[in-house]
Amino acid sequence: MLRKTLIAAALIAFATPSLADGNWHASLDWLYGERKEADLPGIVDIPRIRSQGIAVTGGYRFMEYIGVEGRVGTAFSKTSTIAVFGEPIEVKTSLDYFVSAFVKPILPIQRNRINAYALLGVTSFRGRSTFIGFEELTDTETNTGFSYGVGLELMATQRWGAKIEALRYYDKDDVSLDAVQLGVLWRF
């Protein structure tokens, strides 16, 4: 359902000619993420979980130095091994989805060609962990927290470019979600 809604929203946004003022932008991003969770010393050793995913971003630039962005994404599932009292247990983890809203302070470096920016906002996500070998032992968590990051836009033409970002999507309750994102950017 979420995918159908995103596709419909993207088609409406891209097909609306009145939006073509150059202040709107969208991107398709590849992300490399890492989830870190605190160990329980002597009881549970939890490794860092690294995976890849995709995200779609849309935003509006109000003026030269400030904009807003929203994004949705997911990460591909990953199987890792945790140790419980020294015994290895395989766990399949996935990030079902994340939804973020950001304020985007912008620092123009080269007139509409290169921009540095910060992202300050909030992210809500749902993750799932399935313990392999244990029937129906799945833990699902939904959390919301403060998010921040920095990025750089490099425009090849007036409408097309690329971006790179480093973000901390979540950091609360001994759990953190970090990502490096590379994206194809379109201004319309």
N, C-alpha and C. Protein backbone atom coordinates (compact mmCIF):
# COMPACT_ATOMS: atom_id res chain seq x y z
N MET A 1 0.82 -1.19 0.00
CA MET A 1 0.00 0.00 0.00
C MET A 1 0.87 1.26 0.00
N LEU A 2 1.93 1.25 0.83
CA LEU A 2 2.82 2.40 0.90
C LEU A 2 3.49 2.65 -0.45
N ARG A 3 3.91 1.59 -1.12
CA ARG A 3 4.57 1.75 -2.42
C ARG A 3 3.63 2.35 -3.45
N LYS A 4 2.37 1.91 -3.48
CA LYS A 4 1.38 2.44 -4.43
C LYS A 4 1.13 3.92 -4.16
N THR A 5 1.04 4.29 -2.90
CA THR A 5 0.84 5.69 -2.54
C THR A 5 2.02 6.55 -2.98
N LEU A 6 3.25 6.06 -2.77
CA LEU A 6 4.44 6.80 -3.18
C LEU A 6 4.51 6.97 -4.69
N ILE A 7 4.19 5.92 -5.42
CA ILE A 7 4.21 6.01 -6.88
C ILE A 7 3.18 7.01 -7.37
N ALA A 8 1.97 6.97 -6.81
CA ALA A 8 0.92 7.92 -7.20
C ALA A 8 1.33 9.36 -6.89
N ALA A 9 1.90 9.58 -5.71
CA ALA A 9 2.34 10.93 -5.33
C ALA A 9 3.45 11.44 -6.26
N ALA A 10 4.38 10.57 -6.60
CA ALA A 10 5.47 10.96 -7.51
C ALA A 10 4.94 11.30 -8.89
N LEU A 11 4.02 10.51 -9.40
CA LEU A 11 3.45 10.78 -10.73
C LEU A 11 2.70 12.10 -10.75
N ILE A 12 1.94 12.38 -9.70
CA ILE A 12 1.21 13.65 -9.63
C ILE A 12 2.19 14.82 -9.57
N ALA A 13 3.22 14.69 -8.74
CA ALA A 13 4.20 15.78 -8.60
C ALA A 13 4.95 16.04 -9.89
N PHE A 14 5.36 14.98 -10.59
CA PHE A 14 6.14 15.15 -11.81
C PHE A 14 5.28 15.60 -12.98
N ALA A 15 3.98 15.33 -12.95
CA ALA A 15 3.10 15.65 -14.08
C ALA A 15 2.45 17.01 -13.93
N THR A 16 2.60 17.70 -12.83
CA THR A 16 1.93 18.98 -12.60
C THR A 16 2.79 20.12 -13.13
N PRO A 17 2.38 20.78 -14.22
CA PRO A 17 3.21 21.84 -14.81
C PRO A 17 3.35 23.07 -13.93
N SER A 18 2.37 23.35 -13.06
CA SER A 18 2.46 24.55 -12.22
C SER A 18 3.58 24.45 -11.19
N LEU A 19 4.11 23.26 -10.97
CA LEU A 19 5.19 23.09 -10.01
C LEU A 19 6.56 23.43 -10.61
N ALA A 20 6.62 23.64 -11.90
CA ALA A 20 7.89 23.77 -12.60
C ALA A 20 8.52 25.14 -12.40
N ASP A 21 8.80 25.52 -11.15
CA ASP A 21 9.45 26.79 -10.87
C ASP A 21 10.91 26.62 -10.48
N GLY A 22 11.41 25.39 -10.46
CA GLY A 22 12.80 25.13 -10.12
C GLY A 22 13.07 25.05 -8.63
N ASN A 23 12.06 25.36 -7.80
CA ASN A 23 12.24 25.30 -6.35
C ASN A 23 11.89 23.93 -5.78
N TRP A 24 11.18 23.12 -6.54
CA TRP A 24 10.85 21.77 -6.13
C TRP A 24 11.98 20.84 -6.53
N HIS A 25 12.20 19.80 -5.76
CA HIS A 25 13.20 18.81 -6.15
C HIS A 25 12.79 17.43 -5.66
N ALA A 26 13.33 16.43 -6.32
CA ALA A 26 13.10 15.04 -5.94
C ALA A 26 14.40 14.28 -6.19
N SER A 27 14.56 13.17 -5.49
CA SER A 27 15.74 12.34 -5.73
C SER A 27 15.41 10.89 -5.43
N LEU A 28 16.16 10.04 -6.09
CA LEU A 28 16.13 8.62 -5.82
C LEU A 28 17.50 8.29 -5.25
N ASP A 29 17.53 7.72 -4.05
CA ASP A 29 18.77 7.54 -3.32
C ASP A 29 19.07 6.08 -3.05
N TRP A 30 20.33 5.73 -3.14
CA TRP A 30 20.84 4.44 -2.66
C TRP A 30 21.45 4.73 -1.31
N LEU A 31 21.19 3.88 -0.33
CA LEU A 31 21.77 4.13 0.99
C LEU A 31 22.52 2.91 1.50
N TYR A 32 23.55 3.21 2.24
CA TYR A 32 24.32 2.21 2.96
C TYR A 32 24.12 2.54 4.42
N GLY A 33 23.43 1.67 5.14
CA GLY A 33 23.07 1.97 6.51
C GLY A 33 23.72 1.05 7.51
N GLU A 34 23.74 1.52 8.75
CA GLU A 34 24.29 0.74 9.84
C GLU A 34 23.41 0.94 11.07
N ARG A 35 23.03 -0.18 11.67
CA ARG A 35 22.28 -0.15 12.92
C ARG A 35 23.20 -0.63 14.04
N LYS A 36 23.28 0.16 15.10
CA LYS A 36 24.08 -0.20 16.27
C LYS A 36 23.15 -0.29 17.47
N GLU A 37 23.32 -1.35 18.23
CA GLU A 37 22.53 -1.52 19.45
C GLU A 37 23.47 -1.91 20.57
N ALA A 38 23.20 -1.40 21.76
CA ALA A 38 24.08 -1.66 22.89
C ALA A 38 24.01 -3.13 23.30
N ASP A 39 25.18 -3.69 23.63
CA ASP A 39 25.27 -5.06 24.13
C ASP A 39 24.80 -5.11 25.59
N LEU A 40 24.47 -6.31 26.02
CA LEU A 40 24.28 -6.58 27.44
C LEU A 40 25.49 -7.41 27.84
N PRO A 41 26.55 -6.80 28.41
CA PRO A 41 27.82 -7.50 28.66
C PRO A 41 27.62 -8.83 29.38
N GLY A 42 28.21 -9.87 28.81
CA GLY A 42 28.14 -11.20 29.38
C GLY A 42 26.87 -11.96 29.06
N ILE A 43 25.86 -11.26 28.51
CA ILE A 43 24.59 -11.91 28.20
C ILE A 43 24.36 -11.96 26.70
N VAL A 44 24.31 -10.78 26.07
CA VAL A 44 24.04 -10.71 24.63
C VAL A 44 25.07 -9.80 23.97
N ASP A 45 25.72 -10.32 22.95
CA ASP A 45 26.64 -9.53 22.12
C ASP A 45 25.97 -9.30 20.78
N ILE A 46 25.69 -8.02 20.45
CA ILE A 46 24.96 -7.67 19.23
C ILE A 46 25.93 -6.99 18.27
N PRO A 47 26.13 -7.56 17.08
CA PRO A 47 27.03 -6.91 16.12
C PRO A 47 26.36 -5.72 15.45
N ARG A 48 27.16 -4.87 14.85
CA ARG A 48 26.62 -3.80 14.00
C ARG A 48 26.02 -4.46 12.76
N ILE A 49 24.85 -4.01 12.38
CA ILE A 49 24.18 -4.58 11.22
C ILE A 49 24.26 -3.56 10.09
N ARG A 50 24.91 -3.96 9.02
CA ARG A 50 25.09 -3.08 7.86
C ARG A 50 24.27 -3.64 6.70
N SER A 51 23.51 -2.77 6.05
CA SER A 51 22.74 -3.21 4.89
C SER A 51 22.57 -2.05 3.92
N GLN A 52 22.00 -2.36 2.77
CA GLN A 52 21.76 -1.36 1.74
C GLN A 52 20.26 -1.18 1.56
N GLY A 53 19.87 -0.05 1.00
CA GLY A 53 18.46 0.21 0.78
C GLY A 53 18.25 1.31 -0.23
N ILE A 54 17.01 1.74 -0.34
CA ILE A 54 16.65 2.82 -1.26
C ILE A 54 15.75 3.81 -0.54
N ALA A 55 15.73 5.03 -1.03
CA ALA A 55 14.87 6.08 -0.48
C ALA A 55 14.44 7.00 -1.61
N VAL A 56 13.29 7.62 -1.43
CA VAL A 56 12.78 8.63 -2.35
C VAL A 56 12.63 9.91 -1.53
N THR A 57 13.14 11.01 -2.06
CA THR A 57 13.10 12.30 -1.38
C THR A 57 12.35 13.31 -2.23
N GLY A 58 11.58 14.15 -1.59
CA GLY A 58 10.93 15.27 -2.25
C GLY A 58 11.06 16.49 -1.37
N GLY A 59 11.19 17.66 -1.99
CA GLY A 59 11.35 18.85 -1.16
C GLY A 59 11.06 20.13 -1.90
N TYR A 60 11.06 21.21 -1.15
CA TYR A 60 10.80 22.54 -1.69
C TYR A 60 11.77 23.52 -1.07
N ARG A 61 12.34 24.40 -1.90
CA ARG A 61 13.28 25.43 -1.45
C ARG A 61 12.53 26.75 -1.40
N PHE A 62 12.33 27.28 -0.18
CA PHE A 62 11.57 28.51 -0.01
C PHE A 62 12.34 29.74 -0.47
N MET A 63 13.61 29.74 -0.19
CA MET A 63 14.49 30.84 -0.59
C MET A 63 15.89 30.26 -0.73
N GLU A 64 16.83 31.09 -1.04
CA GLU A 64 18.18 30.61 -1.33
C GLU A 64 18.79 29.81 -0.18
N TYR A 65 18.43 30.12 1.05
CA TYR A 65 19.11 29.52 2.20
C TYR A 65 18.28 28.54 3.03
N ILE A 66 17.05 28.24 2.64
CA ILE A 66 16.23 27.35 3.47
C ILE A 66 15.22 26.57 2.62
N GLY A 67 15.03 25.32 2.99
CA GLY A 67 14.05 24.47 2.33
C GLY A 67 13.52 23.43 3.29
N VAL A 68 12.63 22.58 2.80
CA VAL A 68 12.10 21.47 3.57
C VAL A 68 12.17 20.21 2.72
N GLU A 69 12.25 19.06 3.36
CA GLU A 69 12.29 17.79 2.64
C GLU A 69 11.51 16.73 3.40
N GLY A 70 10.96 15.81 2.64
CA GLY A 70 10.36 14.62 3.19
C GLY A 70 10.94 13.43 2.44
N ARG A 71 11.06 12.31 3.11
CA ARG A 71 11.60 11.13 2.44
C ARG A 71 11.03 9.87 3.05
N VAL A 72 10.97 8.84 2.21
CA VAL A 72 10.56 7.51 2.64
C VAL A 72 11.57 6.53 2.07
N GLY A 73 11.77 5.42 2.77
CA GLY A 73 12.72 4.44 2.28
C GLY A 73 12.60 3.12 3.00
N THR A 74 13.42 2.20 2.57
CA THR A 74 13.49 0.88 3.16
C THR A 74 14.90 0.35 3.00
N ALA A 75 15.24 -0.67 3.76
CA ALA A 75 16.54 -1.32 3.63
C ALA A 75 16.32 -2.81 3.44
N PHE A 76 17.19 -3.43 2.73
CA PHE A 76 17.09 -4.85 2.44
C PHE A 76 17.43 -5.65 3.68
N SER A 77 16.80 -6.80 3.84
CA SER A 77 17.03 -7.62 5.02
C SER A 77 18.45 -8.16 5.04
N LYS A 78 18.91 -8.45 6.24
CA LYS A 78 20.29 -8.89 6.43
C LYS A 78 20.30 -9.94 7.53
N THR A 79 21.04 -11.02 7.32
CA THR A 79 21.17 -12.05 8.35
C THR A 79 22.52 -11.89 9.03
N SER A 80 22.49 -11.86 10.36
CA SER A 80 23.73 -11.74 11.13
C SER A 80 23.65 -12.71 12.30
N THR A 81 24.73 -12.80 13.04
CA THR A 81 24.79 -13.71 14.18
C THR A 81 25.02 -12.92 15.46
N ILE A 82 24.15 -13.14 16.43
CA ILE A 82 24.36 -12.56 17.76
C ILE A 82 24.79 -13.69 18.70
N ALA A 83 25.34 -13.32 19.82
CA ALA A 83 25.75 -14.32 20.81
C ALA A 83 24.93 -14.11 22.07
N VAL A 84 24.21 -15.16 22.47
CA VAL A 84 23.43 -15.14 23.72
C VAL A 84 24.08 -16.13 24.67
N PHE A 85 24.64 -15.62 25.77
CA PHE A 85 25.42 -16.43 26.72
C PHE A 85 26.49 -17.24 25.98
N GLY A 86 27.11 -16.61 24.97
CA GLY A 86 28.18 -17.25 24.21
C GLY A 86 27.72 -18.17 23.10
N GLU A 87 26.44 -18.44 23.00
CA GLU A 87 25.92 -19.33 21.95
C GLU A 87 25.47 -18.49 20.75
N PRO A 88 25.92 -18.84 19.53
CA PRO A 88 25.52 -18.07 18.34
C PRO A 88 24.07 -18.35 17.93
N ILE A 89 23.36 -17.27 17.58
CA ILE A 89 22.00 -17.37 17.08
C ILE A 89 21.91 -16.47 15.85
N GLU A 90 21.41 -17.01 14.74
CA GLU A 90 21.23 -16.21 13.53
C GLU A 90 19.95 -15.40 13.62
N VAL A 91 20.06 -14.13 13.22
CA VAL A 91 18.92 -13.22 13.26
C VAL A 91 18.81 -12.54 11.90
N LYS A 92 17.61 -12.56 11.34
CA LYS A 92 17.34 -11.84 10.09
C LYS A 92 16.68 -10.52 10.46
N THR A 93 17.34 -9.42 10.12
CA THR A 93 16.80 -8.10 10.46
C THR A 93 16.43 -7.36 9.18
N SER A 94 15.41 -6.53 9.29
CA SER A 94 15.02 -5.70 8.16
C SER A 94 14.47 -4.38 8.67
N LEU A 95 14.63 -3.37 7.86
CA LEU A 95 14.02 -2.07 8.11
C LEU A 95 12.84 -2.01 7.15
N ASP A 96 11.64 -2.24 7.68
CA ASP A 96 10.46 -2.29 6.82
C ASP A 96 10.26 -0.96 6.09
N TYR A 97 10.36 0.14 6.84
CA TYR A 97 10.23 1.46 6.23
C TYR A 97 10.76 2.52 7.19
N PHE A 98 11.07 3.68 6.63
CA PHE A 98 11.29 4.87 7.45
C PHE A 98 10.67 6.05 6.72
N VAL A 99 10.18 7.01 7.49
CA VAL A 99 9.57 8.23 6.98
C VAL A 99 10.21 9.38 7.73
N SER A 100 10.71 10.38 7.00
CA SER A 100 11.41 11.51 7.62
C SER A 100 10.87 12.83 7.11
N ALA A 101 10.95 13.84 7.96
CA ALA A 101 10.64 15.23 7.58
C ALA A 101 11.79 16.09 8.11
N PHE A 102 12.32 16.95 7.23
CA PHE A 102 13.49 17.76 7.58
C PHE A 102 13.30 19.22 7.22
N VAL A 103 13.92 20.09 8.02
CA VAL A 103 14.21 21.46 7.64
C VAL A 103 15.61 21.42 7.08
N LYS A 104 15.85 22.17 5.98
CA LYS A 104 17.11 22.06 5.25
C LYS A 104 17.77 23.43 5.09
N PRO A 105 18.62 23.85 6.05
CA PRO A 105 19.42 25.06 5.85
C PRO A 105 20.46 24.81 4.74
N ILE A 106 20.59 25.77 3.82
CA ILE A 106 21.42 25.59 2.62
C ILE A 106 22.52 26.65 2.58
N LEU A 107 23.72 26.22 2.22
CA LEU A 107 24.84 27.13 2.01
C LEU A 107 25.27 27.03 0.55
N PRO A 108 24.84 27.99 -0.31
CA PRO A 108 25.27 27.94 -1.72
C PRO A 108 26.78 28.17 -1.82
N ILE A 109 27.44 27.28 -2.55
CA ILE A 109 28.89 27.40 -2.73
C ILE A 109 29.20 27.97 -4.09
N GLN A 110 28.55 27.46 -5.11
CA GLN A 110 28.70 27.97 -6.46
C GLN A 110 27.32 28.13 -7.07
N ARG A 111 26.93 29.30 -7.37
CA ARG A 111 25.61 29.69 -7.86
C ARG A 111 24.80 28.58 -8.54
N ASN A 112 23.87 28.01 -7.81
CA ASN A 112 22.96 26.96 -8.28
C ASN A 112 23.64 25.71 -8.82
N ARG A 113 24.92 25.54 -8.61
CA ARG A 113 25.64 24.36 -9.10
C ARG A 113 26.10 23.46 -7.95
N ILE A 114 26.60 24.06 -6.88
CA ILE A 114 27.08 23.30 -5.74
C ILE A 114 26.48 23.91 -4.47
N ASN A 115 25.82 23.09 -3.67
CA ASN A 115 25.23 23.53 -2.41
C ASN A 115 25.61 22.56 -1.30
N ALA A 116 26.02 23.10 -0.18
CA ALA A 116 26.19 22.30 1.03
C ALA A 116 24.94 22.54 1.87
N TYR A 117 24.54 21.56 2.65
CA TYR A 117 23.33 21.74 3.45
C TYR A 117 23.36 20.86 4.69
N ALA A 118 22.50 21.22 5.62
CA ALA A 118 22.28 20.42 6.83
C ALA A 118 20.83 19.94 6.79
N LEU A 119 20.56 18.89 7.51
CA LEU A 119 19.20 18.36 7.64
C LEU A 119 18.90 18.20 9.12
N LEU A 120 17.79 18.77 9.57
CA LEU A 120 17.36 18.68 10.96
C LEU A 120 15.89 18.30 10.95
N GLY A 121 15.54 17.21 11.62
CA GLY A 121 14.14 16.81 11.59
C GLY A 121 13.82 15.62 12.45
N VAL A 122 12.86 14.84 11.99
CA VAL A 122 12.37 13.70 12.75
C VAL A 122 12.15 12.52 11.80
N THR A 123 12.40 11.31 12.31
CA THR A 123 12.22 10.08 11.53
C THR A 123 11.42 9.08 12.35
N SER A 124 10.50 8.43 11.66
CA SER A 124 9.76 7.32 12.25
C SER A 124 10.10 6.08 11.43
N PHE A 125 10.35 4.95 12.10
CA PHE A 125 10.71 3.74 11.36
C PHE A 125 10.10 2.50 12.01
N ARG A 126 10.00 1.45 11.21
CA ARG A 126 9.59 0.15 11.74
C ARG A 126 10.62 -0.87 11.30
N GLY A 127 11.18 -1.58 12.27
CA GLY A 127 12.15 -2.63 12.00
C GLY A 127 11.66 -3.96 12.53
N ARG A 128 12.25 -5.02 12.00
CA ARG A 128 11.82 -6.36 12.38
C ARG A 128 13.04 -7.26 12.51
N SER A 129 13.05 -8.08 13.56
CA SER A 129 14.10 -9.07 13.78
C SER A 129 13.44 -10.44 13.93
N THR A 130 13.88 -11.40 13.12
CA THR A 130 13.36 -12.76 13.19
C THR A 130 14.50 -13.68 13.59
N PHE A 131 14.31 -14.42 14.65
CA PHE A 131 15.34 -15.32 15.16
C PHE A 131 15.20 -16.65 14.44
N ILE A 132 16.18 -16.98 13.60
CA ILE A 132 16.14 -18.17 12.76
C ILE A 132 16.31 -19.42 13.63
N GLY A 133 15.45 -20.41 13.39
CA GLY A 133 15.50 -21.64 14.17
C GLY A 133 14.54 -21.65 15.34
N PHE A 134 13.90 -20.52 15.59
CA PHE A 134 12.89 -20.44 16.64
C PHE A 134 11.56 -20.12 15.98
N GLU A 135 10.61 -21.02 16.10
CA GLU A 135 9.33 -20.82 15.44
C GLU A 135 8.63 -19.57 15.95
N GLU A 136 8.24 -18.72 15.02
CA GLU A 136 7.44 -17.53 15.29
C GLU A 136 8.03 -16.61 16.35
N LEU A 137 9.33 -16.52 16.41
CA LEU A 137 9.97 -15.58 17.33
C LEU A 137 10.45 -14.39 16.52
N THR A 138 9.59 -13.39 16.42
CA THR A 138 9.87 -12.18 15.67
C THR A 138 9.60 -10.97 16.56
N ASP A 139 10.54 -10.04 16.55
CA ASP A 139 10.40 -8.80 17.32
C ASP A 139 10.23 -7.65 16.33
N THR A 140 9.14 -6.91 16.45
CA THR A 140 8.90 -5.75 15.61
C THR A 140 8.94 -4.51 16.48
N GLU A 141 9.65 -3.48 16.01
CA GLU A 141 9.72 -2.24 16.77
C GLU A 141 9.39 -1.06 15.86
N THR A 142 8.64 -0.12 16.40
CA THR A 142 8.33 1.12 15.71
C THR A 142 8.77 2.25 16.62
N ASN A 143 9.62 3.13 16.10
CA ASN A 143 10.17 4.22 16.91
C ASN A 143 10.18 5.52 16.13
N THR A 144 10.22 6.62 16.86
CA THR A 144 10.32 7.95 16.27
C THR A 144 11.36 8.72 17.07
N GLY A 145 12.20 9.47 16.36
CA GLY A 145 13.21 10.24 17.05
C GLY A 145 13.80 11.35 16.20
N PHE A 146 14.64 12.17 16.81
CA PHE A 146 15.32 13.29 16.17
C PHE A 146 16.33 12.77 15.14
N SER A 147 16.42 13.44 13.99
CA SER A 147 17.34 13.07 12.92
C SER A 147 18.15 14.30 12.49
N TYR A 148 19.37 14.05 12.04
CA TYR A 148 20.20 15.15 11.55
C TYR A 148 21.25 14.61 10.59
N GLY A 149 21.79 15.52 9.78
CA GLY A 149 22.81 15.11 8.83
C GLY A 149 23.32 16.29 8.03
N VAL A 150 24.24 15.99 7.14
CA VAL A 150 24.81 16.98 6.23
C VAL A 150 24.86 16.39 4.84
N GLY A 151 24.90 17.27 3.84
CA GLY A 151 24.94 16.78 2.47
C GLY A 151 25.55 17.79 1.53
N LEU A 152 25.75 17.35 0.29
CA LEU A 152 26.32 18.17 -0.77
C LEU A 152 25.61 17.85 -2.07
N GLU A 153 25.09 18.88 -2.74
CA GLU A 153 24.45 18.74 -4.05
C GLU A 153 25.41 19.23 -5.12
N LEU A 154 25.53 18.46 -6.18
CA LEU A 154 26.37 18.83 -7.32
C LEU A 154 25.50 18.76 -8.57
N MET A 155 25.15 19.89 -9.16
CA MET A 155 24.26 19.93 -10.31
C MET A 155 25.07 19.88 -11.60
N ALA A 156 24.78 18.89 -12.46
CA ALA A 156 25.44 18.77 -13.75
C ALA A 156 24.81 19.72 -14.76
N THR A 157 23.48 19.87 -14.69
CA THR A 157 22.74 20.83 -15.51
C THR A 157 21.85 21.63 -14.58
N GLN A 158 21.00 22.47 -15.14
CA GLN A 158 20.09 23.26 -14.32
C GLN A 158 19.06 22.36 -13.62
N ARG A 159 18.73 21.23 -14.21
CA ARG A 159 17.69 20.35 -13.67
C ARG A 159 18.20 19.05 -13.06
N TRP A 160 19.35 18.54 -13.50
CA TRP A 160 19.84 17.23 -13.06
C TRP A 160 21.15 17.34 -12.31
N GLY A 161 21.30 16.50 -11.29
CA GLY A 161 22.53 16.49 -10.52
C GLY A 161 22.62 15.25 -9.64
N ALA A 162 23.53 15.32 -8.70
CA ALA A 162 23.76 14.22 -7.77
C ALA A 162 23.91 14.79 -6.37
N LYS A 163 23.73 13.93 -5.38
CA LYS A 163 23.93 14.37 -4.00
C LYS A 163 24.56 13.25 -3.20
N ILE A 164 25.24 13.64 -2.13
CA ILE A 164 25.80 12.69 -1.17
C ILE A 164 25.46 13.22 0.22
N GLU A 165 25.06 12.30 1.11
CA GLU A 165 24.65 12.71 2.45
C GLU A 165 25.18 11.74 3.49
N ALA A 166 25.38 12.25 4.69
CA ALA A 166 25.68 11.43 5.86
C ALA A 166 24.62 11.80 6.91
N LEU A 167 23.85 10.80 7.36
CA LEU A 167 22.74 11.07 8.26
C LEU A 167 22.73 10.16 9.47
N ARG A 168 22.23 10.67 10.55
CA ARG A 168 21.87 9.87 11.71
C ARG A 168 20.35 9.96 11.77
N TYR A 169 19.71 8.89 11.35
CA TYR A 169 18.25 8.86 11.31
C TYR A 169 17.64 8.68 12.69
N TYR A 170 18.36 8.00 13.57
CA TYR A 170 17.76 7.70 14.89
C TYR A 170 18.89 7.46 15.89
N ASP A 171 18.72 7.96 17.11
CA ASP A 171 19.70 7.73 18.17
C ASP A 171 18.97 7.88 19.51
N LYS A 172 18.48 6.76 20.02
CA LYS A 172 17.70 6.80 21.24
C LYS A 172 17.62 5.39 21.82
N ASP A 173 17.53 5.28 23.12
CA ASP A 173 17.36 3.99 23.78
C ASP A 173 18.45 2.98 23.39
N ASP A 174 19.70 3.41 23.33
CA ASP A 174 20.84 2.55 23.00
C ASP A 174 20.78 1.95 21.60
N VAL A 175 19.98 2.55 20.69
CA VAL A 175 19.90 2.11 19.29
C VAL A 175 20.18 3.32 18.41
N SER A 176 21.02 3.15 17.39
CA SER A 176 21.25 4.22 16.43
C SER A 176 21.17 3.67 15.01
N LEU A 177 20.63 4.49 14.12
CA LEU A 177 20.55 4.17 12.69
C LEU A 177 21.28 5.27 11.94
N ASP A 178 22.35 4.91 11.25
CA ASP A 178 23.14 5.85 10.45
C ASP A 178 23.09 5.44 8.99
N ALA A 179 23.28 6.40 8.09
CA ALA A 179 23.30 6.08 6.67
C ALA A 179 24.17 7.06 5.91
N VAL A 180 24.80 6.54 4.86
CA VAL A 180 25.44 7.35 3.83
C VAL A 180 24.58 7.14 2.60
N GLN A 181 24.15 8.24 1.98
CA GLN A 181 23.26 8.15 0.83
C GLN A 181 23.85 8.83 -0.38
N LEU A 182 23.68 8.19 -1.53
CA LEU A 182 24.04 8.76 -2.83
C LEU A 182 22.77 8.81 -3.65
N GLY A 183 22.53 9.95 -4.30
CA GLY A 183 21.27 10.08 -5.02
C GLY A 183 21.40 10.81 -6.34
N VAL A 184 20.41 10.55 -7.19
CA VAL A 184 20.24 11.29 -8.44
C VAL A 184 19.17 12.32 -8.15
N LEU A 185 19.47 13.60 -8.42
CA LEU A 185 18.63 14.73 -8.03
C LEU A 185 18.01 15.37 -9.26
N TRP A 186 16.74 15.70 -9.15
CA TRP A 186 16.02 16.39 -10.24
C TRP A 186 15.30 17.59 -9.69
N ARG A 187 15.56 18.76 -10.24
CA ARG A 187 14.85 19.99 -9.87
C ARG A 187 13.76 20.26 -10.91
N PHE A 188 12.60 20.66 -10.44
CA PHE A 188 11.52 20.96 -11.39
C PHE A 188 10.71 22.14 -10.89
